Amino acid sequence: KAVVSTQSGHYGRGLVTFNLSLTMTRLCFVLVLAFFASTTKADYDDQIDELKRLILASIDAQAQLIGLVTQESIKISELRISLAGLKDQVSGIKNSTDFMEIRVGKLEETISGLQDNAGRMAASVSGVEEEVGRVKESVVEIASTIATIESDVTLAERDTETLENLSERMATSEADFADALERAQSKWPLGSYCILANGACPAGFTQQSGHLKAISTYAANQQYIKSANFGSSSIACHGACGRWPNWYAELYIVSCCK
């Protein structure tokens, strides 16, 4: 006989109590009857073995029952956990439903606003159609103006061609003048003389160069040495200005002579 009890009405693992008193009493009574009913010791031993077998079978059955009750208790605990999870899911679904109701309300408000906007847009479209009519009239006027401008452009293009022809003739004249000026400038005066070089010498001239280094001056400042270049010729400090006391300046002259 098995009795399963729980604490505080909560599902949990049951405390199993097995009442073996009645079973043991019955077994003892059967043993006494078997003792008095036996006629031989062999029959008595057989009956004792049979009773032992029955007792062991009863104990095995009780152990199996305990195992089953334990398994059922574990399943009940798992069901409790699953039920708690389902409650959380239901709560979440309820919250989602409330949120969706709020969203639906906002969407309805938005739809209402869009409908109002559609009405205003319909009125605006009517005004736009009127404006399109006025624009079409303006386009006709502009087309007429464009035709007039195209006629003026044709005349201007003719004038431009005339100006271009004049410009080409002027460019030719300028080129001829430049050639003549270059030829005139390329003619150097007769005689023997030298000019300062600036790179290569002109045709008919020979380059001549010389220098003075470590020229003694009173000081190496701007008052006494002012650096300058004259084409390929120059006046400068001897090395870094002031590096060689008293020997501060140097002079380079590069000329073209004929």
Protein backbone atom coordinates (compact mmCIF):
# COMPACT_ATOMS: atom_id res chain seq x y z
CA LYS A 1 0.00 0.00 0.00
CA ALA A 2 1.59 3.35 -1.09
CA VAL A 3 0.68 6.87 0.11
CA VAL A 4 2.12 9.96 -1.77
CA SER A 5 2.11 13.27 0.20
CA THR A 6 3.08 16.88 -0.86
CA GLN A 7 4.01 19.99 1.18
CA SER A 8 1.88 23.22 1.22
CA GLY A 9 -0.12 22.07 -1.81
CA HIS A 10 2.91 22.64 -4.14
CA TYR A 11 4.05 20.07 -6.64
CA GLY A 12 7.32 18.50 -5.58
CA ARG A 13 8.98 15.28 -4.96
CA GLY A 14 6.56 13.07 -2.89
CA LEU A 15 7.51 11.38 0.35
CA VAL A 16 6.60 7.72 -0.13
CA THR A 17 5.63 5.59 2.85
CA PHE A 18 5.04 1.88 2.52
CA ASN A 19 2.94 0.11 5.15
CA LEU A 20 4.32 -3.45 5.39
CA SER A 21 2.72 -4.40 8.73
CA LEU A 22 -0.36 -5.99 7.20
CA THR A 23 1.72 -7.83 4.63
CA MET A 24 4.16 -9.20 7.27
CA THR A 25 1.25 -10.25 9.50
CA ARG A 26 -0.31 -12.15 6.66
CA LEU A 27 2.98 -13.81 5.84
CA CYS A 28 3.51 -14.88 9.50
CA PHE A 29 -0.01 -16.30 9.62
CA VAL A 30 0.65 -18.27 6.47
CA LEU A 31 3.93 -19.55 7.93
CA VAL A 32 2.15 -20.83 11.07
CA LEU A 33 -0.52 -22.55 9.01
CA ALA A 34 2.16 -24.03 6.79
CA PHE A 35 4.05 -25.28 9.86
CA PHE A 36 1.04 -27.04 11.32
CA ALA A 37 -0.19 -28.26 7.98
CA SER A 38 3.16 -29.73 6.96
CA THR A 39 3.53 -33.44 7.34
CA THR A 40 7.20 -33.59 6.40
CA LYS A 41 10.24 -31.38 6.83
CA ALA A 42 10.77 -31.27 3.05
CA ASP A 43 7.29 -29.76 2.55
CA TYR A 44 8.05 -27.23 5.29
CA ASP A 45 11.30 -26.15 3.60
CA ASP A 46 9.57 -25.78 0.24
CA GLN A 47 6.90 -23.58 1.77
CA ILE A 48 9.56 -21.46 3.51
CA ASP A 49 11.39 -20.97 0.20
CA GLU A 50 8.12 -20.02 -1.48
CA LEU A 51 7.39 -17.43 1.22
CA LYS A 52 10.89 -15.99 0.84
CA ARG A 53 10.32 -15.71 -2.87
CA LEU A 54 7.02 -13.92 -2.32
CA ILE A 55 8.60 -11.49 0.18
CA LEU A 56 11.47 -10.67 -2.25
CA ALA A 57 8.98 -10.22 -5.09
CA SER A 58 6.96 -7.84 -2.86
CA ILE A 59 10.10 -5.82 -2.02
CA ASP A 60 11.05 -5.58 -5.72
CA ALA A 61 7.54 -4.41 -6.57
CA GLN A 62 7.73 -1.75 -3.85
CA ALA A 63 11.14 -0.57 -5.12
CA GLN A 64 9.74 -0.29 -8.64
CA LEU A 65 6.79 1.67 -7.28
CA ILE A 66 9.17 4.06 -5.51
CA GLY A 67 11.08 4.52 -8.78
CA LEU A 68 7.87 5.26 -10.67
CA VAL A 69 6.72 7.77 -8.05
CA THR A 70 10.14 9.47 -8.18
CA GLN A 71 9.98 9.71 -11.98
CA GLU A 72 6.47 11.16 -11.79
CA SER A 73 7.68 13.71 -9.22
CA ILE A 74 10.51 14.78 -11.57
CA LYS A 75 8.04 15.08 -14.45
CA ILE A 76 5.77 17.24 -12.27
CA SER A 77 8.75 19.54 -11.48
CA GLU A 78 9.55 19.81 -15.17
CA LEU A 79 5.91 20.58 -15.90
CA ARG A 80 6.03 23.34 -13.28
CA ILE A 81 9.08 24.86 -14.98
CA SER A 82 7.40 24.59 -18.40
CA LEU A 83 4.24 26.16 -16.98
CA ALA A 84 6.25 29.09 -15.60
CA GLY A 85 7.87 29.56 -19.02
CA LEU A 86 4.47 29.48 -20.70
CA LYS A 87 3.21 32.10 -18.23
CA ASP A 88 6.16 34.34 -19.19
CA GLN A 89 5.43 33.79 -22.88
CA VAL A 90 1.75 34.62 -22.36
CA SER A 91 2.77 37.78 -20.50
CA GLY A 92 5.13 38.72 -23.34
CA ILE A 93 2.41 38.07 -25.92
CA LYS A 94 0.03 40.25 -23.92
CA ASN A 95 2.60 43.06 -23.81
CA SER A 96 3.19 42.67 -27.56
CA THR A 97 -0.57 42.79 -28.15
CA ASP A 98 -0.85 46.01 -26.12
CA PHE A 99 2.05 47.49 -28.08
CA MET A 100 0.45 46.48 -31.39
CA GLU A 101 -2.83 48.07 -30.32
CA ILE A 102 -0.95 51.31 -29.65
CA ARG A 103 0.75 51.05 -33.05
CA VAL A 104 -2.56 50.38 -34.77
CA GLY A 105 -4.01 53.46 -33.10
CA LYS A 106 -1.11 55.56 -34.33
CA LEU A 107 -1.45 54.09 -37.83
CA GLU A 108 -5.13 54.97 -37.85
CA GLU A 109 -4.23 58.54 -36.88
CA THR A 110 -1.61 58.61 -39.66
CA ILE A 111 -4.14 57.30 -42.21
CA SER A 112 -6.59 59.97 -41.16
CA GLY A 113 -3.89 62.61 -41.59
CA LEU A 114 -3.01 61.21 -45.04
CA GLN A 115 -6.64 61.38 -46.08
CA ASP A 116 -6.75 65.03 -45.03
CA ASN A 117 -3.55 65.66 -46.98
CA ALA A 118 -5.05 63.91 -50.00
CA GLY A 119 -7.98 66.33 -49.91
CA ARG A 120 -5.66 69.31 -49.74
CA MET A 121 -3.51 67.85 -52.53
CA ALA A 122 -6.59 67.47 -54.75
CA ALA A 123 -7.32 71.18 -54.27
CA SER A 124 -3.65 71.94 -54.99
CA VAL A 125 -3.78 69.87 -58.20
CA SER A 126 -6.64 72.00 -59.47
CA GLY A 127 -4.57 75.10 -58.83
CA VAL A 128 -1.56 73.51 -60.52
CA GLU A 129 -3.62 72.73 -63.62
CA GLU A 130 -4.58 76.39 -63.86
CA GLU A 131 -0.92 77.34 -63.45
CA VAL A 132 0.03 74.84 -66.20
CA GLY A 133 -2.40 76.57 -68.54
CA ARG A 134 -0.73 79.91 -67.85
CA VAL A 135 2.73 78.33 -68.32
CA LYS A 136 1.66 76.95 -71.73
CA GLU A 137 0.69 80.45 -72.81
CA SER A 138 4.05 81.71 -71.61
CA VAL A 139 5.80 78.93 -73.57
CA VAL A 140 4.12 80.10 -76.77
CA GLU A 141 5.33 83.64 -76.12
CA ILE A 142 8.84 82.37 -75.33
CA ALA A 143 8.90 80.31 -78.54
CA SER A 144 8.10 83.45 -80.51
CA THR A 145 10.85 85.32 -78.69
CA ILE A 146 13.31 82.46 -79.37
CA ALA A 147 12.53 82.64 -83.09
CA THR A 148 13.34 86.35 -83.06
CA ILE A 149 16.57 85.69 -81.12
CA GLU A 150 17.61 82.97 -83.60
CA SER A 151 17.20 85.44 -86.43
CA ASP A 152 19.35 87.94 -84.56
CA VAL A 153 21.92 85.20 -83.84
CA THR A 154 22.14 84.40 -87.57
CA LEU A 155 22.93 88.02 -88.27
CA ALA A 156 25.43 88.08 -85.42
CA GLU A 157 27.14 84.95 -86.78
CA ARG A 158 27.60 86.66 -90.11
CA ASP A 159 29.13 89.67 -88.34
CA THR A 160 31.31 87.29 -86.30
CA GLU A 161 32.66 85.67 -89.46
CA THR A 162 33.57 89.09 -90.75
CA LEU A 163 35.32 89.94 -87.47
CA GLU A 164 37.17 86.60 -87.50
CA ASN A 165 38.47 87.33 -90.98
CA LEU A 166 39.68 90.72 -89.80
CA SER A 167 41.26 89.12 -86.75
CA GLU A 168 43.13 86.57 -88.89
CA ARG A 169 44.50 89.35 -91.09
CA MET A 170 45.55 91.32 -88.00
CA ALA A 171 47.26 88.21 -86.53
CA THR A 172 49.17 87.74 -89.79
CA SER A 173 50.25 91.36 -89.67
CA GLU A 174 51.36 91.02 -86.03
CA ALA A 175 53.39 87.89 -86.88
CA ASP A 176 55.07 89.72 -89.75
CA PHE A 177 55.84 92.66 -87.44
CA ALA A 178 57.29 90.32 -84.77
CA ASP A 179 59.51 88.62 -87.34
CA ALA A 180 60.75 91.95 -88.57
CA LEU A 181 61.41 93.16 -85.02
CA GLU A 182 63.33 89.96 -84.20
CA ARG A 183 65.44 90.33 -87.32
CA ALA A 184 66.18 93.93 -86.40
CA GLN A 185 67.12 93.03 -82.81
CA SER A 186 69.37 90.18 -83.98
CA LYS A 187 71.64 92.62 -85.76
CA TRP A 188 74.40 93.62 -83.32
CA PRO A 189 76.39 96.83 -83.84
CA LEU A 190 79.60 96.58 -85.79
CA GLY A 191 82.91 96.65 -83.98
CA SER A 192 84.69 94.76 -81.19
CA TYR A 193 83.03 94.78 -77.75
CA CYS A 194 81.80 92.53 -74.92
CA ILE A 195 78.40 92.09 -73.31
CA LEU A 196 77.47 90.34 -70.04
CA ALA A 197 76.43 86.78 -70.72
CA ASN A 198 73.14 85.24 -69.65
CA GLY A 199 73.59 81.61 -70.56
CA ALA A 200 74.84 80.82 -74.08
CA CYS A 201 76.34 83.63 -76.19
CA PRO A 202 74.63 84.89 -79.38
CA ALA A 203 75.93 83.80 -82.76
CA GLY A 204 79.23 85.53 -83.57
CA PHE A 205 80.19 86.01 -79.89
CA THR A 206 82.73 84.06 -77.80
CA GLN A 207 82.29 83.53 -74.07
CA GLN A 208 84.96 84.99 -71.78
CA SER A 209 84.89 84.61 -67.97
CA GLY A 210 86.98 85.47 -64.92
CA HIS A 211 86.73 85.86 -61.13
CA LEU A 212 88.22 87.36 -58.00
CA LYS A 213 87.98 85.33 -54.79
CA ALA A 214 88.78 86.11 -51.15
CA ILE A 215 88.56 89.87 -51.70
CA SER A 216 89.44 91.79 -48.52
CA THR A 217 86.67 94.08 -47.26
CA TYR A 218 86.15 96.02 -44.05
CA ALA A 219 83.15 93.85 -43.01
CA ALA A 220 80.83 91.17 -44.40
CA ASN A 221 77.50 92.94 -43.83
CA GLN A 222 75.08 94.39 -46.42
CA GLN A 223 76.75 97.76 -46.22
CA TYR A 224 79.96 96.37 -47.73
CA ILE A 225 78.85 93.29 -49.69
CA LYS A 226 75.49 93.31 -51.49
CA SER A 227 74.99 90.02 -53.32
CA ALA A 228 73.54 90.27 -56.84
CA ASN A 229 73.39 88.38 -60.15
CA PHE A 230 73.91 90.01 -63.57
CA GLY A 231 72.90 87.22 -65.92
CA SER A 232 75.68 84.66 -65.51
CA SER A 233 77.87 87.14 -63.54
CA SER A 234 77.57 87.72 -59.79
CA ILE A 235 78.88 89.46 -56.65
CA ALA A 236 78.69 87.39 -53.45
CA CYS A 237 80.28 86.51 -50.11
CA HIS A 238 83.34 84.29 -50.16
CA GLY A 239 81.75 81.10 -48.77
CA ALA A 240 79.36 81.73 -45.89
CA CYS A 241 79.24 85.47 -45.19
CA GLY A 242 81.78 86.30 -42.45
CA ARG A 243 83.34 82.85 -42.37
CA TRP A 244 86.83 84.06 -43.48
CA PRO A 245 87.74 87.26 -41.56
CA ASN A 246 88.86 90.16 -43.80
CA TRP A 247 88.61 87.95 -46.92
CA TYR A 248 84.88 88.27 -47.30
CA ALA A 249 83.93 88.85 -50.96
CA GLU A 250 84.23 87.33 -54.43
CA LEU A 251 83.37 88.48 -57.98
CA TYR A 252 82.45 86.39 -61.05
CA ILE A 253 82.23 87.90 -64.55
CA VAL A 254 80.97 85.96 -67.58
CA SER A 255 80.85 87.88 -70.89
CA CYS A 256 80.31 87.38 -74.59
CA CYS A 257 82.88 89.14 -76.82
CA LYS A 258 83.38 89.74 -80.55
